[in-house]
Amino acid sequence: MVTVVNLTKEKADKAVCRPTIYGNPFVLSPSGPYGFRVLTREDAILRFAEYFYSESRRDLRQRALLEIPDGSTIGCHCDPLPCHAHIIAGYLNWKRNYKWEGPKAVTKIYA
């Protein structure tokens, strides 16, 4: 089972924060040179879930399955707050048939 840790407190087997390929491109603040700005943490996570599960990111999901082995830890600086890393861990654990009780992705319809 893949678990999420805070990189400032623990060492992770694989970092999934910015600027790695798994980093969330949706940012809360205008502090960084990259990313799309959003207003809330929840919106950043929801948009990342849509991005991660989109057909155009199929290669990213397949790469995660190959690069992040079962039983490893992935790290971001957000944990224990809700984080995009929980979306990645949830996907990996789901694909490997683990029961995952983490955050659920919600589809929003933008009009």
Foldseek 3Di string as FASTA:
>chain_A
DEAEDAVVVDPFPAEQDPPDPNHQQEDDDPPDPGHHYDPDQVVSLLVSLCVCPDPVNPVVLVVLLVPPDPPTYYYDNQPPPDDNVLSSVVSNCVVVPHDDDDDDHDDDDDD
